[in-house]
Amino acid sequence: MINNYGKPHIRIYYNKSIKAAEYAGYGIEEEGIPYELFPDNNPESCALAYAAESSLGIALSIEGGRISVFTNKYKNEEAFIFCESHNPDMIRIMGQNAARIVKNIPLLPLENI
């Protein structure tokens, strides 16, 4: 989902693979939360800054095979959850988990993929 025109949404920052960012977006969309994709050379710092200031308080960064979810609910400058993977199913689940943080429901397990 692109161009949310002011609606609260999750941002996905990525530096190389738009395909990986799209997989994360599919997971977010499955949970019914809007998202937008943003290419950037430093996706982790952008995701951290956006999570701190956005109304949903969540952002993802995708850099190579590292997928990180940042939240303003976790008062730290490290990712709330992260994984190293190029597996589309794992990336999609990371997107779902980002949306589940917003919805305040249990996260999906990552170890079975």
PDB file of N, CA and C in Angstrom:
ATOM      1  N   MET A   1       0.857  -1.164   0.000  1.00  0.00           N
ATOM      2  CA  MET A   1       0.000   0.000   0.000  1.00  0.00           C
ATOM      3  C   MET A   1       0.906   1.231   0.000  1.00  0.00           C
ATOM      4  N   ILE A   2       0.731   2.082  -0.953  1.00  0.00           N
ATOM      5  CA  ILE A   2       1.579   3.259  -1.095  1.00  0.00           C
ATOM      6  C   ILE A   2       0.697   4.508  -1.045  1.00  0.00           C
ATOM      7  N   ASN A   3       1.288   5.625  -0.652  1.00  0.00           N
ATOM      8  CA  ASN A   3       0.597   6.913  -0.588  1.00  0.00           C
ATOM      9  C   ASN A   3      -0.608   6.884   0.344  1.00  0.00           C
ATOM     10  N   ASN A   4      -0.335   6.792   1.616  1.00  0.00           N
ATOM     11  CA  ASN A   4      -1.404   6.722   2.607  1.00  0.00           C
ATOM     12  C   ASN A   4      -1.942   8.091   3.006  1.00  0.00           C
ATOM     13  N   TYR A   5      -1.403   9.154   2.461  1.00  0.00           N
ATOM     14  CA  TYR A   5      -1.925  10.500   2.636  1.00  0.00           C
ATOM     15  C   TYR A   5      -2.310  10.844   4.071  1.00  0.00           C
ATOM     16  N   GLY A   6      -1.349  10.713   4.958  1.00  0.00           N
ATOM     17  CA  GLY A   6      -1.556  11.136   6.327  1.00  0.00           C
ATOM     18  C   GLY A   6      -2.136  10.080   7.247  1.00  0.00           C
ATOM     19  N   LYS A   7      -2.591   8.948   6.708  1.00  0.00           N
ATOM     20  CA  LYS A   7      -3.093   7.877   7.571  1.00  0.00           C
ATOM     21  C   LYS A   7      -1.936   7.304   8.371  1.00  0.00           C
ATOM     22  N   PRO A   8      -2.174   6.904   9.610  1.00  0.00           N
ATOM     23  CA  PRO A   8      -1.121   6.209  10.350  1.00  0.00           C
ATOM     24  C   PRO A   8      -0.721   4.937   9.608  1.00  0.00           C
ATOM     25  N   HIS A   9       0.572   4.723   9.490  1.00  0.00           N
ATOM     26  CA  HIS A   9       1.073   3.576   8.743  1.00  0.00           C
ATOM     27  C   HIS A   9       2.449   3.163   9.269  1.00  0.00           C
ATOM     28  N   ILE A  10       2.867   1.993   8.864  1.00  0.00           N
ATOM     29  CA  ILE A  10       4.207   1.506   9.166  1.00  0.00           C
ATOM     30  C   ILE A  10       5.079   1.806   7.952  1.00  0.00           C
ATOM     31  N   ARG A  11       6.252   2.343   8.198  1.00  0.00           N
ATOM     32  CA  ARG A  11       7.194   2.578   7.108  1.00  0.00           C
ATOM     33  C   ARG A  11       8.215   1.453   7.057  1.00  0.00           C
ATOM     34  N   ILE A  12       8.553   1.066   5.837  1.00  0.00           N
ATOM     35  CA  ILE A  12       9.600   0.075   5.602  1.00  0.00           C
ATOM     36  C   ILE A  12      10.715   0.780   4.841  1.00  0.00           C
ATOM     37  N   TYR A  13      11.872   0.898   5.470  1.00  0.00           N
ATOM     38  CA  TYR A  13      13.052   1.490   4.838  1.00  0.00           C
ATOM     39  C   TYR A  13      13.941   0.353   4.362  1.00  0.00           C
ATOM     40  N   TYR A  14      14.423   0.455   3.133  1.00  0.00           N
ATOM     41  CA  TYR A  14      15.282  -0.589   2.574  1.00  0.00           C
ATOM     42  C   TYR A  14      16.386   0.056   1.752  1.00  0.00           C
ATOM     43  N   ASN A  15      17.530  -0.666   1.618  1.00  0.00           N
ATOM     44  CA  ASN A  15      18.605  -0.061   0.845  1.00  0.00           C
ATOM     45  C   ASN A  15      18.948  -0.801  -0.436  1.00  0.00           C
ATOM     46  N   LYS A  16      18.582  -2.056  -0.576  1.00  0.00           N
ATOM     47  CA  LYS A  16      18.942  -2.755  -1.808  1.00  0.00           C
ATOM     48  C   LYS A  16      17.786  -3.532  -2.406  1.00  0.00           C
ATOM     49  N   SER A  17      17.074  -4.285  -1.601  1.00  0.00           N
ATOM     50  CA  SER A  17      16.093  -5.215  -2.138  1.00  0.00           C
ATOM     51  C   SER A  17      14.659  -4.729  -1.939  1.00  0.00           C
ATOM     52  N   ILE A  18      14.094  -4.176  -2.999  1.00  0.00           N
ATOM     53  CA  ILE A  18      12.694  -3.791  -2.911  1.00  0.00           C
ATOM     54  C   ILE A  18      11.825  -5.039  -2.779  1.00  0.00           C
ATOM     55  N   LYS A  19      12.276  -6.166  -3.315  1.00  0.00           N
ATOM     56  CA  LYS A  19      11.499  -7.401  -3.211  1.00  0.00           C
ATOM     57  C   LYS A  19      11.340  -7.800  -1.746  1.00  0.00           C
ATOM     58  N   ALA A  20      12.420  -7.742  -0.965  1.00  0.00           N
ATOM     59  CA  ALA A  20      12.336  -8.067   0.466  1.00  0.00           C
ATOM     60  C   ALA A  20      11.400  -7.097   1.168  1.00  0.00           C
ATOM     61  N   ALA A  21      11.470  -5.824   0.823  1.00  0.00           N
ATOM     62  CA  ALA A  21      10.581  -4.825   1.427  1.00  0.00           C
ATOM     63  C   ALA A  21       9.131  -5.133   1.073  1.00  0.00           C
ATOM     64  N   GLU A  22       8.885  -5.578  -0.145  1.00  0.00           N
ATOM     65  CA  GLU A  22       7.523  -5.939  -0.545  1.00  0.00           C
ATOM     66  C   GLU A  22       7.020  -7.143   0.247  1.00  0.00           C
ATOM     67  N   TYR A  23       7.885  -8.143   0.485  1.00  0.00           N
ATOM     68  CA  TYR A  23       7.479  -9.305   1.291  1.00  0.00           C
ATOM     69  C   TYR A  23       7.070  -8.867   2.696  1.00  0.00           C
ATOM     70  N   ALA A  24       7.849  -7.975   3.305  1.00  0.00           N
ATOM     71  CA  ALA A  24       7.488  -7.461   4.636  1.00  0.00           C
ATOM     72  C   ALA A  24       6.153  -6.726   4.563  1.00  0.00           C
ATOM     73  N   GLY A  25       5.962  -5.962   3.512  1.00  0.00           N
ATOM     74  CA  GLY A  25       4.700  -5.250   3.314  1.00  0.00           C
ATOM     75  C   GLY A  25       3.510  -6.182   3.193  1.00  0.00           C
ATOM     76  N   TYR A  26       3.700  -7.318   2.515  1.00  0.00           N
ATOM     77  CA  TYR A  26       2.608  -8.292   2.400  1.00  0.00           C
ATOM     78  C   TYR A  26       2.175  -8.758   3.791  1.00  0.00           C
ATOM     79  N   GLY A  27       3.156  -9.002   4.665  1.00  0.00           N
ATOM     80  CA  GLY A  27       2.842  -9.436   6.024  1.00  0.00           C
ATOM     81  C   GLY A  27       2.080  -8.373   6.799  1.00  0.00           C
ATOM     82  N   ILE A  28       2.502  -7.128   6.649  1.00  0.00           N
ATOM     83  CA  ILE A  28       1.812  -6.019   7.324  1.00  0.00           C
ATOM     84  C   ILE A  28       0.385  -5.909   6.800  1.00  0.00           C
ATOM     85  N   GLU A  29       0.255  -6.002   5.498  1.00  0.00           N
ATOM     86  CA  GLU A  29      -1.060  -5.896   4.876  1.00  0.00           C
ATOM     87  C   GLU A  29      -1.985  -7.033   5.322  1.00  0.00           C
ATOM     88  N   GLU A  30      -1.432  -8.237   5.503  1.00  0.00           N
ATOM     89  CA  GLU A  30      -2.240  -9.372   5.978  1.00  0.00           C
ATOM     90  C   GLU A  30      -2.863  -9.085   7.341  1.00  0.00           C
ATOM     91  N   GLU A  31      -2.195  -8.247   8.123  1.00  0.00           N
ATOM     92  CA  GLU A  31      -2.712  -7.895   9.451  1.00  0.00           C
ATOM     93  C   GLU A  31      -3.614  -6.658   9.413  1.00  0.00           C
ATOM     94  N   GLY A  32      -3.823  -6.093   8.216  1.00  0.00           N
ATOM     95  CA  GLY A  32      -4.750  -4.981   8.060  1.00  0.00           C
ATOM     96  C   GLY A  32      -4.202  -3.609   8.423  1.00  0.00           C
ATOM     97  N   ILE A  33      -2.882  -3.458   8.414  1.00  0.00           N
ATOM     98  CA  ILE A  33      -2.263  -2.173   8.746  1.00  0.00           C
ATOM     99  C   ILE A  33      -1.656  -1.575   7.467  1.00  0.00           C
ATOM    100  N   PRO A  34      -1.858  -0.283   7.208  1.00  0.00           N
ATOM    101  CA  PRO A  34      -1.243   0.350   6.039  1.00  0.00           C
ATOM    102  C   PRO A  34       0.281   0.458   6.194  1.00  0.00           C
ATOM    103  N   TYR A  35       0.981   0.486   5.071  1.00  0.00           N
ATOM    104  CA  TYR A  35       2.436   0.637   5.084  1.00  0.00           C
ATOM    105  C   TYR A  35       2.885   1.427   3.860  1.00  0.00           C
ATOM    106  N   GLU A  36       4.111   1.907   3.924  1.00  0.00           N
ATOM    107  CA  GLU A  36       4.748   2.564   2.785  1.00  0.00           C
ATOM    108  C   GLU A  36       6.195   2.113   2.699  1.00  0.00           C
ATOM    109  N   LEU A  37       6.736   2.064   1.497  1.00  0.00           N
ATOM    110  CA  LEU A  37       8.123   1.683   1.243  1.00  0.00           C
ATOM    111  C   LEU A  37       8.959   2.920   0.958  1.00  0.00           C
ATOM    112  N   PHE A  38      10.172   2.954   1.545  1.00  0.00           N
ATOM    113  CA  PHE A  38      11.076   4.081   1.352  1.00  0.00           C
ATOM    114  C   PHE A  38      12.496   3.586   1.111  1.00  0.00           C
ATOM    115  N   PRO A  39      13.054   3.823  -0.083  1.00  0.00           N
ATOM    116  CA  PRO A  39      14.459   3.472  -0.287  1.00  0.00           C
ATOM    117  C   PRO A  39      15.352   4.447   0.470  1.00  0.00           C
ATOM    118  N   ASP A  40      16.426   3.940   1.079  1.00  0.00           N
ATOM    119  CA  ASP A  40      17.341   4.807   1.824  1.00  0.00           C
ATOM    120  C   ASP A  40      18.679   4.113   1.985  1.00  0.00           C
ATOM    121  N   ASN A  41      19.755   4.884   1.999  1.00  0.00           N
ATOM    122  CA  ASN A  41      21.100   4.320   2.177  1.00  0.00           C
ATOM    123  C   ASN A  41      21.384   3.905   3.615  1.00  0.00           C
ATOM    124  N   ASN A  42      20.645   4.438   4.567  1.00  0.00           N
ATOM    125  CA  ASN A  42      20.849   4.109   5.974  1.00  0.00           C
ATOM    126  C   ASN A  42      19.508   3.742   6.605  1.00  0.00           C
ATOM    127  N   PRO A  43      18.953   2.581   6.224  1.00  0.00           N
ATOM    128  CA  PRO A  43      17.583   2.257   6.641  1.00  0.00           C
ATOM    129  C   PRO A  43      17.392   2.107   8.147  1.00  0.00           C
ATOM    130  N   GLU A  44      18.410   1.619   8.879  1.00  0.00           N
ATOM    131  CA  GLU A  44      18.222   1.435  10.324  1.00  0.00           C
ATOM    132  C   GLU A  44      18.030   2.756  11.051  1.00  0.00           C
ATOM    133  N   SER A  45      18.836   3.765  10.733  1.00  0.00           N
ATOM    134  CA  SER A  45      18.689   5.043  11.442  1.00  0.00           C
ATOM    135  C   SER A  45      17.380   5.728  11.066  1.00  0.00           C
ATOM    136  N   CYS A  46      16.951   5.580   9.816  1.00  0.00           N
ATOM    137  CA  CYS A  46      15.666   6.162   9.408  1.00  0.00           C
ATOM    138  C   CYS A  46      14.508   5.469  10.115  1.00  0.00           C
ATOM    139  N   ALA A  47      14.563   4.138  10.200  1.00  0.00           N
ATOM    140  CA  ALA A  47      13.487   3.393  10.858  1.00  0.00           C
ATOM    141  C   ALA A  47      13.424   3.741  12.336  1.00  0.00           C
ATOM    142  N   LEU A  48      14.561   3.852  12.978  1.00  0.00           N
ATOM    143  CA  LEU A  48      14.599   4.217  14.396  1.00  0.00           C
ATOM    144  C   LEU A  48      13.991   5.599  14.611  1.00  0.00           C
ATOM    145  N   ALA A  49      14.378   6.565  13.791  1.00  0.00           N
ATOM    146  CA  ALA A  49      13.858   7.930  13.928  1.00  0.00           C
ATOM    147  C   ALA A  49      12.353   7.976  13.645  1.00  0.00           C
ATOM    148  N   TYR A  50      11.911   7.286  12.605  1.00  0.00           N
ATOM    149  CA  TYR A  50      10.489   7.313  12.274  1.00  0.00           C
ATOM    150  C   TYR A  50       9.654   6.644  13.367  1.00  0.00           C
ATOM    151  N   ALA A  51      10.117   5.511  13.879  1.00  0.00           N
ATOM    152  CA  ALA A  51       9.378   4.820  14.945  1.00  0.00           C
ATOM    153  C   ALA A  51       9.200   5.721  16.155  1.00  0.00           C
ATOM    154  N   ALA A  52      10.212   6.514  16.462  1.00  0.00           N
ATOM    155  CA  ALA A  52      10.154   7.395  17.622  1.00  0.00           C
ATOM    156  C   ALA A  52       9.125   8.511  17.454  1.00  0.00           C
ATOM    157  N   GLU A  53       8.876   8.931  16.213  1.00  0.00           N
ATOM    158  CA  GLU A  53       7.998  10.086  16.003  1.00  0.00           C
ATOM    159  C   GLU A  53       6.635   9.751  15.397  1.00  0.00           C
ATOM    160  N   SER A  54       6.437   8.545  14.898  1.00  0.00           N
ATOM    161  CA  SER A  54       5.176   8.228  14.221  1.00  0.00           C
ATOM    162  C   SER A  54       4.067   7.912  15.216  1.00  0.00           C
ATOM    163  N   SER A  55       2.834   8.054  14.758  1.00  0.00           N
ATOM    164  CA  SER A  55       1.704   7.793  15.652  1.00  0.00           C
ATOM    165  C   SER A  55       1.573   6.303  15.965  1.00  0.00           C
ATOM    166  N   LEU A  56       1.956   5.433  15.047  1.00  0.00           N
ATOM    167  CA  LEU A  56       1.922   3.997  15.333  1.00  0.00           C
ATOM    168  C   LEU A  56       3.155   3.545  16.115  1.00  0.00           C
ATOM    169  N   GLY A  57       4.245   4.284  15.969  1.00  0.00           N
ATOM    170  CA  GLY A  57       5.452   3.975  16.722  1.00  0.00           C
ATOM    171  C   GLY A  57       6.202   2.755  16.243  1.00  0.00           C
ATOM    172  N   ILE A  58       6.048   2.374  14.972  1.00  0.00           N
ATOM    173  CA  ILE A  58       6.681   1.179  14.422  1.00  0.00           C
ATOM    174  C   ILE A  58       7.281   1.497  13.058  1.00  0.00           C
ATOM    175  N   ALA A  59       8.464   0.953  12.788  1.00  0.00           N
ATOM    176  CA  ALA A  59       9.072   1.027  11.463  1.00  0.00           C
ATOM    177  C   ALA A  59       9.987  -0.174  11.275  1.00  0.00           C
ATOM    178  N   LEU A  60      10.191  -0.566  10.039  1.00  0.00           N
ATOM    179  CA  LEU A  60      11.097  -1.662   9.705  1.00  0.00           C
ATOM    180  C   LEU A  60      12.262  -1.139   8.896  1.00  0.00           C
ATOM    181  N   SER A  61      13.393  -1.818   9.036  1.00  0.00           N
ATOM    182  CA  SER A  61      14.511  -1.567   8.134  1.00  0.00           C
ATOM    183  C   SER A  61      14.946  -2.895   7.545  1.00  0.00           C
ATOM    184  N   ILE A  62      15.308  -2.850   6.280  1.00  0.00           N
ATOM    185  CA  ILE A  62      15.803  -4.033   5.591  1.00  0.00           C
ATOM    186  C   ILE A  62      17.115  -3.635   4.927  1.00  0.00           C
ATOM    187  N   GLU A  63      18.172  -4.276   5.377  1.00  0.00           N
ATOM    188  CA  GLU A  63      19.509  -3.978   4.876  1.00  0.00           C
ATOM    189  C   GLU A  63      20.211  -5.301   4.617  1.00  0.00           C
ATOM    190  N   GLY A  64      20.349  -5.628   3.334  1.00  0.00           N
ATOM    191  CA  GLY A  64      20.884  -6.942   3.001  1.00  0.00           C
ATOM    192  C   GLY A  64      19.915  -8.004   3.490  1.00  0.00           C
ATOM    193  N   GLY A  65      20.396  -8.937   4.289  1.00  0.00           N
ATOM    194  CA  GLY A  65      19.542  -9.975   4.840  1.00  0.00           C
ATOM    195  C   GLY A  65      19.062  -9.688   6.243  1.00  0.00           C
ATOM    196  N   ARG A  66      19.316  -8.494   6.765  1.00  0.00           N
ATOM    197  CA  ARG A  66      18.901  -8.164   8.127  1.00  0.00           C
ATOM    198  C   ARG A  66      17.589  -7.383   8.097  1.00  0.00           C
ATOM    199  N   ILE A  67      16.588  -7.928   8.775  1.00  0.00           N
ATOM    200  CA  ILE A  67      15.287  -7.275   8.891  1.00  0.00           C
ATOM    201  C   ILE A  67      15.109  -6.889  10.348  1.00  0.00           C
ATOM    202  N   SER A  68      14.887  -5.602  10.611  1.00  0.00           N
ATOM    203  CA  SER A  68      14.765  -5.103  11.980  1.00  0.00           C
ATOM    204  C   SER A  68      13.449  -4.362  12.144  1.00  0.00           C
ATOM    205  N   VAL A  69      12.826  -4.562  13.301  1.00  0.00           N
ATOM    206  CA  VAL A  69      11.601  -3.847  13.649  1.00  0.00           C
ATOM    207  C   VAL A  69      11.921  -2.928  14.820  1.00  0.00           C
ATOM    208  N   PHE A  70      11.665  -1.654  14.634  1.00  0.00           N
ATOM    209  CA  PHE A  70      11.900  -0.654  15.671  1.00  0.00           C
ATOM    210  C   PHE A  70      10.558  -0.167  16.198  1.00  0.00           C
ATOM    211  N   THR A  71      10.499   0.082  17.488  1.00  0.00           N
ATOM    212  CA  THR A  71       9.272   0.575  18.102  1.00  0.00           C
ATOM    213  C   THR A  71       9.591   1.622  19.155  1.00  0.00           C
ATOM    214  N   ASN A  72       8.687   2.571  19.303  1.00  0.00           N
ATOM    215  CA  ASN A  72       8.873   3.572  20.355  1.00  0.00           C
ATOM    216  C   ASN A  72       8.440   3.023  21.707  1.00  0.00           C
ATOM    217  N   LYS A  73       7.862   1.817  21.726  1.00  0.00           N
ATOM    218  CA  LYS A  73       7.464   1.183  22.983  1.00  0.00           C
ATOM    219  C   LYS A  73       8.671   0.587  23.708  1.00  0.00           C
ATOM    220  N   TYR A  74       9.750   0.385  22.982  1.00  0.00           N
ATOM    221  CA  TYR A  74      10.972  -0.196  23.514  1.00  0.00           C
ATOM    222  C   TYR A  74      11.991   0.931  23.576  1.00  0.00           C
ATOM    223  N   LYS A  75      12.212   1.473  24.737  1.00  0.00           N
ATOM    224  CA  LYS A  75      13.032   2.686  24.888  1.00  0.00           C
ATOM    225  C   LYS A  75      14.524   2.368  24.787  1.00  0.00           C
ATOM    226  N   ASN A  76      14.931   2.012  23.593  1.00  0.00           N
ATOM    227  CA  ASN A  76      16.313   1.672  23.333  1.00  0.00           C
ATOM    228  C   ASN A  76      16.592   2.011  21.882  1.00  0.00           C
ATOM    229  N   GLU A  77      17.832   2.146  21.525  1.00  0.00           N
ATOM    230  CA  GLU A  77      18.169   2.444  20.138  1.00  0.00           C
ATOM    231  C   GLU A  77      18.499   1.190  19.352  1.00  0.00           C
ATOM    232  N   GLU A  78      18.139   0.032  19.883  1.00  0.00           N
ATOM    233  CA  GLU A  78      18.331  -1.220  19.173  1.00  0.00           C
ATOM    234  C   GLU A  78      16.982  -1.710  18.664  1.00  0.00           C
ATOM    235  N   ALA A  79      17.040  -2.617  17.721  1.00  0.00           N
ATOM    236  CA  ALA A  79      15.809  -3.179  17.186  1.00  0.00           C
ATOM    237  C   ALA A  79      15.058  -3.948  18.268  1.00  0.00           C
ATOM    238  N   PHE A  80      13.741  -3.858  18.233  1.00  0.00           N
ATOM    239  CA  PHE A  80      12.902  -4.614  19.152  1.00  0.00           C
ATOM    240  C   PHE A  80      12.991  -6.103  18.817  1.00  0.00           C
ATOM    241  N   ILE A  81      12.828  -6.422  17.535  1.00  0.00           N
ATOM    242  CA  ILE A  81      13.078  -7.774  17.040  1.00  0.00           C
ATOM    243  C   ILE A  81      13.845  -7.664  15.729  1.00  0.00           C
ATOM    244  N   PHE A  82      14.665  -8.646  15.443  1.00  0.00           N
ATOM    245  CA  PHE A  82      15.367  -8.669  14.168  1.00  0.00           C
ATOM    246  C   PHE A  82      15.694 -10.107  13.791  1.00  0.00           C
ATOM    247  N   CYS A  83      15.976 -10.312  12.535  1.00  0.00           N
ATOM    248  CA  CYS A  83      16.439 -11.614  12.068  1.00  0.00           C
ATOM    249  C   CYS A  83      17.328 -11.394  10.850  1.00  0.00           C
ATOM    250  N   GLU A  84      18.111 -12.392  10.558  1.00  0.00           N
ATOM    251  CA  GLU A  84      18.933 -12.426   9.349  1.00  0.00           C
ATOM    252  C   GLU A  84      18.334 -13.495   8.456  1.00  0.00           C
ATOM    253  N   SER A  85      17.787 -13.103   7.325  1.00  0.00           N
ATOM    254  CA  SER A  85      17.167 -14.083   6.440  1.00  0.00           C
ATOM    255  C   SER A  85      16.923 -13.488   5.060  1.00  0.00           C
ATOM    256  N   HIS A  86      16.977 -14.360   4.065  1.00  0.00           N
ATOM    257  CA  HIS A  86      16.552 -13.995   2.711  1.00  0.00           C
ATOM    258  C   HIS A  86      15.295 -14.783   2.337  1.00  0.00           C
ATOM    259  N   ASN A  87      14.762 -15.539   3.301  1.00  0.00           N
ATOM    260  CA  ASN A  87      13.584 -16.364   3.092  1.00  0.00           C
ATOM    261  C   ASN A  87      12.339 -15.465   3.041  1.00  0.00           C
ATOM    262  N   PRO A  88      11.617 -15.472   1.914  1.00  0.00           N
ATOM    263  CA  PRO A  88      10.432 -14.608   1.800  1.00  0.00           C
ATOM    264  C   PRO A  88       9.399 -14.839   2.904  1.00  0.00           C
ATOM    265  N   ASP A  89       9.221 -16.093   3.340  1.00  0.00           N
ATOM    266  CA  ASP A  89       8.254 -16.370   4.397  1.00  0.00           C
ATOM    267  C   ASP A  89       8.677 -15.739   5.722  1.00  0.00           C
ATOM    268  N   MET A  90       9.963 -15.789   6.028  1.00  0.00           N
ATOM    269  CA  MET A  90      10.476 -15.189   7.264  1.00  0.00           C
ATOM    270  C   MET A  90      10.316 -13.665   7.215  1.00  0.00           C
ATOM    271  N   ILE A  91      10.604 -13.072   6.086  1.00  0.00           N
ATOM    272  CA  ILE A  91      10.480 -11.619   5.929  1.00  0.00           C
ATOM    273  C   ILE A  91       9.013 -11.203   6.079  1.00  0.00           C
ATOM    274  N   ARG A  92       8.103 -11.980   5.498  1.00  0.00           N
ATOM    275  CA  ARG A  92       6.671 -11.700   5.614  1.00  0.00           C
ATOM    276  C   ARG A  92       6.222 -11.783   7.077  1.00  0.00           C
ATOM    277  N   ILE A  93       6.708 -12.782   7.802  1.00  0.00           N
ATOM    278  CA  ILE A  93       6.355 -12.916   9.218  1.00  0.00           C
ATOM    279  C   ILE A  93       6.897 -11.743  10.029  1.00  0.00           C
ATOM    280  N   MET A  94       8.072 -11.247   9.690  1.00  0.00           N
ATOM    281  CA  MET A  94       8.585 -10.058  10.379  1.00  0.00           C
ATOM    282  C   MET A  94       7.647  -8.876  10.157  1.00  0.00           C
ATOM    283  N   GLY A  95       7.117  -8.744   8.938  1.00  0.00           N
ATOM    284  CA  GLY A  95       6.134  -7.698   8.672  1.00  0.00           C
ATOM    285  C   GLY A  95       4.868  -7.905   9.483  1.00  0.00           C
ATOM    286  N   GLN A  96       4.393  -9.148   9.549  1.00  0.00           N
ATOM    287  CA  GLN A  96       3.212  -9.445  10.358  1.00  0.00           C
ATOM    288  C   GLN A  96       3.461  -9.096  11.822  1.00  0.00           C
ATOM    289  N   ASN A  97       4.641  -9.437  12.327  1.00  0.00           N
ATOM    290  CA  ASN A  97       4.944  -9.145  13.727  1.00  0.00           C
ATOM    291  C   ASN A  97       4.999  -7.644  13.996  1.00  0.00           C
ATOM    292  N   ALA A  98       5.496  -6.877  13.043  1.00  0.00           N
ATOM    293  CA  ALA A  98       5.485  -5.421  13.205  1.00  0.00           C
ATOM    294  C   ALA A  98       4.053  -4.926  13.353  1.00  0.00           C
ATOM    295  N   ALA A  99       3.160  -5.436  12.503  1.00  0.00           N
ATOM    296  CA  ALA A  99       1.746  -5.040  12.577  1.00  0.00           C
ATOM    297  C   ALA A  99       1.108  -5.540  13.866  1.00  0.00           C
ATOM    298  N   ARG A 100       1.515  -6.710  14.334  1.00  0.00           N
ATOM    299  CA  ARG A 100       0.953  -7.258  15.567  1.00  0.00           C
ATOM    300  C   ARG A 100       1.376  -6.449  16.791  1.00  0.00           C
ATOM    301  N   ILE A 101       2.527  -5.813  16.729  1.00  0.00           N
ATOM    302  CA  ILE A 101       2.923  -4.909  17.816  1.00  0.00           C
ATOM    303  C   ILE A 101       1.927  -3.750  17.878  1.00  0.00           C
ATOM    304  N   VAL A 102       1.575  -3.206  16.716  1.00  0.00           N
ATOM    305  CA  VAL A 102       0.596  -2.122  16.654  1.00  0.00           C
ATOM    306  C   VAL A 102      -0.742  -2.585  17.224  1.00  0.00           C
ATOM    307  N   LYS A 103      -1.156  -3.796  16.869  1.00  0.00           N
ATOM    308  CA  LYS A 103      -2.448  -4.331  17.285  1.00  0.00           C
ATOM    309  C   LYS A 103      -2.427  -4.888  18.706  1.00  0.00           C
ATOM    310  N   ASN A 104      -1.241  -4.940  19.301  1.00  0.00           N
ATOM    311  CA  ASN A 104      -1.068  -5.440  20.661  1.00  0.00           C
ATOM    312  C   ASN A 104      -1.596  -6.878  20.818  1.00  0.00           C
ATOM    313  N   ILE A 105      -1.185  -7.733  19.855  1.00  0.00           N
ATOM    314  CA  ILE A 105      -1.527  -9.153  19.915  1.00  0.00           C
ATOM    315  C   ILE A 105      -0.229  -9.960  19.863  1.00  0.00           C
ATOM    316  N   PRO A 106      -0.266 -11.228  20.275  1.00  0.00           N
ATOM    317  CA  PRO A 106       0.966 -12.029  20.326  1.00  0.00           C
ATOM    318  C   PRO A 106       1.681 -12.113  18.979  1.00  0.00           C
ATOM    319  N   LEU A 107       3.006 -12.126  19.063  1.00  0.00           N
ATOM    320  CA  LEU A 107       3.840 -12.232  17.867  1.00  0.00           C
ATOM    321  C   LEU A 107       3.879 -13.671  17.367  1.00  0.00           C
ATOM    322  N   LEU A 108       4.116 -13.805  16.071  1.00  0.00           N
ATOM    323  CA  LEU A 108       4.257 -15.128  15.480  1.00  0.00           C
ATOM    324  C   LEU A 108       5.675 -15.643  15.721  1.00  0.00           C
ATOM    325  N   PRO A 109       5.846 -16.950  15.926  1.00  0.00           N
ATOM    326  CA  PRO A 109       7.198 -17.486  16.148  1.00  0.00           C
ATOM    327  C   PRO A 109       8.025 -17.445  14.859  1.00  0.00           C
ATOM    328  N   LEU A 110       9.311 -17.208  15.007  1.00  0.00           N
ATOM    329  CA  LEU A 110      10.213 -17.144  13.857  1.00  0.00           C
ATOM    330  C   LEU A 110      11.002 -18.432  13.671  1.00  0.00           C
ATOM    331  N   GLU A 111      11.084 -19.254  14.683  1.00  0.00           N
ATOM    332  CA  GLU A 111      11.998 -20.394  14.638  1.00  0.00           C
ATOM    333  C   GLU A 111      11.535 -21.541  13.742  1.00  0.00           C
ATOM    334  N   ASN A 112      10.296 -21.576  13.311  1.00  0.00           N
ATOM    335  CA  ASN A 112       9.799 -22.712  12.532  1.00  0.00           C
ATOM    336  C   ASN A 112       9.921 -22.520  11.027  1.00  0.00           C
ATOM    337  N   ILE A 113      10.496 -21.458  10.585  1.00  0.00           N
ATOM    338  CA  ILE A 113      10.605 -21.188   9.146  1.00  0.00           C
ATOM    339  C   ILE A 113      11.919 -21.709   8.620  1.00  0.00           C
TER     340      ILE A 113
END
